[in-house]
Amino acid sequence: MGSWSIWHWLVVLVVVALIFGTKKLRNVGEDLGSAIKSFRKGMQDGDAQGQLKADPPAPGQPGPNPTAPGESKSERADS
């Protein structure tokens, strides 16, 4: 049969519109668009922050500090 022509796609679009209705298809399109926008924003925010917290430290660099912020090593030994 070969590849689908524009007429095949138009028939499929009409059948889908008849089955689901245009309002539901519009809502799906809006949801998909907002999901793509938030994904792009998250990707840009991730690039701006540099290394993510879940990433392991690079080889040769020290790991995370075992003490909590604001807690000294002597306070940790007391507990």
N, C-alpha and C. Protein backbone atom coordinates (compact mmCIF):
# COMPACT_ATOMS: atom_id res chain seq x y z
N MET A 1 0.83 -1.20 0.00
CA MET A 1 0.00 0.00 0.00
C MET A 1 0.86 1.25 0.00
N GLY A 2 2.00 1.30 0.58
CA GLY A 2 2.83 2.49 0.55
C GLY A 2 2.53 3.43 1.69
N SER A 3 3.01 4.66 1.59
CA SER A 3 2.82 5.64 2.67
C SER A 3 1.42 6.25 2.58
N TRP A 4 1.00 6.82 3.69
CA TRP A 4 -0.32 7.42 3.76
C TRP A 4 -0.29 8.80 3.14
N SER A 5 -1.30 9.11 2.36
CA SER A 5 -1.40 10.43 1.74
C SER A 5 -2.16 11.36 2.69
N ILE A 6 -2.27 12.60 2.30
CA ILE A 6 -2.97 13.59 3.11
C ILE A 6 -4.45 13.22 3.27
N TRP A 7 -5.03 12.56 2.27
CA TRP A 7 -6.44 12.18 2.33
C TRP A 7 -6.67 11.10 3.38
N HIS A 8 -5.72 10.18 3.52
CA HIS A 8 -5.85 9.17 4.56
C HIS A 8 -5.83 9.83 5.94
N TRP A 9 -4.93 10.77 6.13
CA TRP A 9 -4.83 11.45 7.43
C TRP A 9 -6.07 12.28 7.73
N LEU A 10 -6.65 12.90 6.70
CA LEU A 10 -7.88 13.67 6.92
C LEU A 10 -9.04 12.77 7.33
N VAL A 11 -9.15 11.60 6.72
CA VAL A 11 -10.21 10.67 7.09
C VAL A 11 -10.00 10.21 8.54
N VAL A 12 -8.77 9.89 8.92
CA VAL A 12 -8.48 9.48 10.29
C VAL A 12 -8.84 10.61 11.26
N LEU A 13 -8.48 11.84 10.93
CA LEU A 13 -8.80 12.98 11.78
C LEU A 13 -10.31 13.17 11.96
N VAL A 14 -11.07 13.01 10.89
CA VAL A 14 -12.53 13.14 10.97
C VAL A 14 -13.12 12.04 11.84
N VAL A 15 -12.63 10.81 11.68
CA VAL A 15 -13.14 9.70 12.48
C VAL A 15 -12.83 9.92 13.96
N VAL A 16 -11.61 10.36 14.28
CA VAL A 16 -11.23 10.62 15.66
C VAL A 16 -12.08 11.76 16.24
N ALA A 17 -12.32 12.80 15.45
CA ALA A 17 -13.15 13.92 15.92
C ALA A 17 -14.59 13.46 16.18
N LEU A 18 -15.09 12.56 15.35
CA LEU A 18 -16.45 12.05 15.57
C LEU A 18 -16.53 11.17 16.80
N ILE A 19 -15.49 10.39 17.05
CA ILE A 19 -15.51 9.48 18.20
C ILE A 19 -15.36 10.25 19.51
N PHE A 20 -14.37 11.12 19.59
CA PHE A 20 -14.07 11.79 20.86
C PHE A 20 -14.75 13.14 21.02
N GLY A 21 -15.08 13.80 19.96
CA GLY A 21 -15.67 15.13 20.03
C GLY A 21 -14.59 16.19 20.04
N THR A 22 -14.90 17.34 19.47
CA THR A 22 -13.90 18.39 19.32
C THR A 22 -13.52 19.02 20.66
N LYS A 23 -14.47 19.10 21.60
CA LYS A 23 -14.16 19.72 22.89
C LYS A 23 -13.13 18.90 23.65
N LYS A 24 -13.29 17.58 23.67
CA LYS A 24 -12.34 16.74 24.37
C LYS A 24 -10.97 16.78 23.68
N LEU A 25 -10.96 16.81 22.36
CA LEU A 25 -9.68 16.90 21.63
C LEU A 25 -8.99 18.23 21.91
N ARG A 26 -9.77 19.31 22.04
CA ARG A 26 -9.19 20.61 22.35
C ARG A 26 -8.56 20.60 23.74
N ASN A 27 -9.25 19.97 24.70
CA ASN A 27 -8.70 19.87 26.06
C ASN A 27 -7.42 19.05 26.07
N VAL A 28 -7.38 17.97 25.31
CA VAL A 28 -6.17 17.15 25.24
C VAL A 28 -5.02 17.96 24.64
N GLY A 29 -5.32 18.74 23.62
CA GLY A 29 -4.29 19.58 23.00
C GLY A 29 -3.76 20.63 23.96
N GLU A 30 -4.65 21.25 24.72
CA GLU A 30 -4.21 22.25 25.70
C GLU A 30 -3.35 21.62 26.79
N ASP A 31 -3.76 20.45 27.27
CA ASP A 31 -2.99 19.75 28.30
C ASP A 31 -1.61 19.36 27.78
N LEU A 32 -1.56 18.89 26.55
CA LEU A 32 -0.29 18.51 25.95
C LEU A 32 0.62 19.72 25.78
N GLY A 33 0.05 20.84 25.34
CA GLY A 33 0.83 22.06 25.18
C GLY A 33 1.39 22.57 26.50
N SER A 34 0.57 22.56 27.56
CA SER A 34 1.07 23.02 28.85
C SER A 34 2.12 22.07 29.42
N ALA A 35 1.99 20.78 29.14
CA ALA A 35 2.99 19.82 29.61
C ALA A 35 4.33 20.06 28.90
N ILE A 36 4.29 20.35 27.62
CA ILE A 36 5.52 20.62 26.87
C ILE A 36 6.17 21.91 27.37
N LYS A 37 5.36 22.93 27.64
CA LYS A 37 5.91 24.19 28.15
C LYS A 37 6.58 24.01 29.50
N SER A 38 5.93 23.26 30.39
CA SER A 38 6.53 23.06 31.71
C SER A 38 7.77 22.18 31.62
N PHE A 39 7.79 21.24 30.68
CA PHE A 39 8.98 20.42 30.48
C PHE A 39 10.14 21.28 30.00
N ARG A 40 9.89 22.15 29.04
CA ARG A 40 10.94 23.05 28.54
C ARG A 40 11.44 23.97 29.65
N LYS A 41 10.52 24.48 30.46
CA LYS A 41 10.92 25.36 31.55
C LYS A 41 11.77 24.60 32.56
N GLY A 42 11.39 23.38 32.85
CA GLY A 42 12.17 22.55 33.76
C GLY A 42 13.56 22.25 33.23
N MET A 43 13.66 22.02 31.93
CA MET A 43 14.96 21.77 31.32
C MET A 43 15.84 23.02 31.39
N GLN A 44 15.25 24.19 31.16
CA GLN A 44 16.03 25.43 31.24
C GLN A 44 16.44 25.71 32.68
N ASP A 45 15.57 25.45 33.65
CA ASP A 45 15.90 25.66 35.05
C ASP A 45 17.00 24.70 35.47
N GLY A 46 16.94 23.47 34.99
CA GLY A 46 17.96 22.49 35.32
C GLY A 46 19.32 22.87 34.76
N ASP A 47 19.35 23.43 33.55
CA ASP A 47 20.60 23.88 32.96
C ASP A 47 21.18 25.05 33.73
N ALA A 48 20.32 25.94 34.23
CA ALA A 48 20.79 27.12 34.96
C ALA A 48 21.36 26.74 36.32
N GLN A 49 20.84 25.67 36.93
CA GLN A 49 21.31 25.28 38.25
C GLN A 49 22.61 24.50 38.20
N GLY A 50 22.98 24.01 37.06
CA GLY A 50 24.22 23.23 36.96
C GLY A 50 23.98 21.80 37.33
N GLN A 51 24.80 21.26 38.21
CA GLN A 51 24.71 19.86 38.58
C GLN A 51 23.50 19.64 39.48
N LEU A 52 22.71 18.63 39.18
CA LEU A 52 21.53 18.33 39.97
C LEU A 52 21.91 17.64 41.26
N LYS A 53 21.06 17.73 42.26
CA LYS A 53 21.35 17.13 43.56
C LYS A 53 21.45 15.62 43.48
N ALA A 54 20.71 15.00 42.57
CA ALA A 54 20.71 13.55 42.48
C ALA A 54 21.96 13.02 41.78
N ASP A 55 22.69 13.88 41.11
CA ASP A 55 23.90 13.44 40.41
C ASP A 55 24.99 13.14 41.42
N PRO A 56 25.75 12.07 41.20
CA PRO A 56 26.88 11.79 42.09
C PRO A 56 27.99 12.80 41.87
N PRO A 57 28.86 13.02 42.85
CA PRO A 57 29.96 13.97 42.65
C PRO A 57 30.91 13.47 41.57
N ALA A 58 31.55 14.41 40.92
CA ALA A 58 32.50 14.06 39.86
C ALA A 58 33.70 13.34 40.47
N PRO A 59 34.36 12.47 39.71
CA PRO A 59 35.54 11.77 40.25
C PRO A 59 36.61 12.76 40.69
N GLY A 60 37.18 12.50 41.85
CA GLY A 60 38.23 13.38 42.37
C GLY A 60 37.71 14.49 43.25
N GLN A 61 36.38 14.67 43.30
CA GLN A 61 35.82 15.72 44.14
C GLN A 61 35.28 15.09 45.42
N PRO A 62 35.35 15.79 46.54
CA PRO A 62 34.85 15.22 47.79
C PRO A 62 33.33 15.06 47.74
N GLY A 63 32.83 14.09 48.48
CA GLY A 63 31.41 13.84 48.54
C GLY A 63 30.70 14.85 49.41
N PRO A 64 29.41 14.64 49.68
CA PRO A 64 28.66 15.59 50.51
C PRO A 64 29.13 15.54 51.95
N ASN A 65 28.96 16.66 52.66
CA ASN A 65 29.35 16.78 54.06
C ASN A 65 28.39 15.95 54.91
N PRO A 66 28.87 15.03 55.77
CA PRO A 66 27.95 14.18 56.54
C PRO A 66 27.22 14.93 57.64
N THR A 67 27.64 16.13 58.00
CA THR A 67 26.94 16.88 59.04
C THR A 67 25.85 17.71 58.41
N ALA A 68 24.79 17.93 59.17
CA ALA A 68 23.68 18.74 58.69
C ALA A 68 24.09 20.21 58.71
N PRO A 69 23.44 21.05 57.91
CA PRO A 69 23.76 22.47 57.93
C PRO A 69 23.51 23.06 59.32
N GLY A 70 24.45 23.80 59.82
CA GLY A 70 24.31 24.42 61.13
C GLY A 70 24.73 23.52 62.28
N GLU A 71 25.16 22.31 61.95
CA GLU A 71 25.56 21.35 62.98
C GLU A 71 27.08 21.13 62.88
N SER A 72 27.76 21.24 63.99
CA SER A 72 29.20 21.03 63.97
C SER A 72 29.50 19.55 64.22
N LYS A 73 30.73 19.14 63.95
CA LYS A 73 31.12 17.75 64.15
C LYS A 73 31.05 17.37 65.62
N SER A 74 31.36 18.30 66.53
CA SER A 74 31.31 18.00 67.95
C SER A 74 29.88 17.77 68.41
N GLU A 75 28.92 18.54 67.86
CA GLU A 75 27.51 18.34 68.21
C GLU A 75 27.03 16.99 67.70
N ARG A 76 27.54 16.56 66.58
CA ARG A 76 27.13 15.28 66.01
C ARG A 76 27.68 14.14 66.86
N ALA A 77 28.87 14.29 67.41
CA ALA A 77 29.47 13.24 68.24
C ALA A 77 28.70 13.08 69.54
N ASP A 78 28.05 14.16 70.03
CA ASP A 78 27.32 14.10 71.28
C ASP A 78 26.06 13.25 71.15
N SER A 79 25.48 13.17 69.97
CA SER A 79 24.22 12.44 69.82
C SER A 79 24.38 10.98 69.60
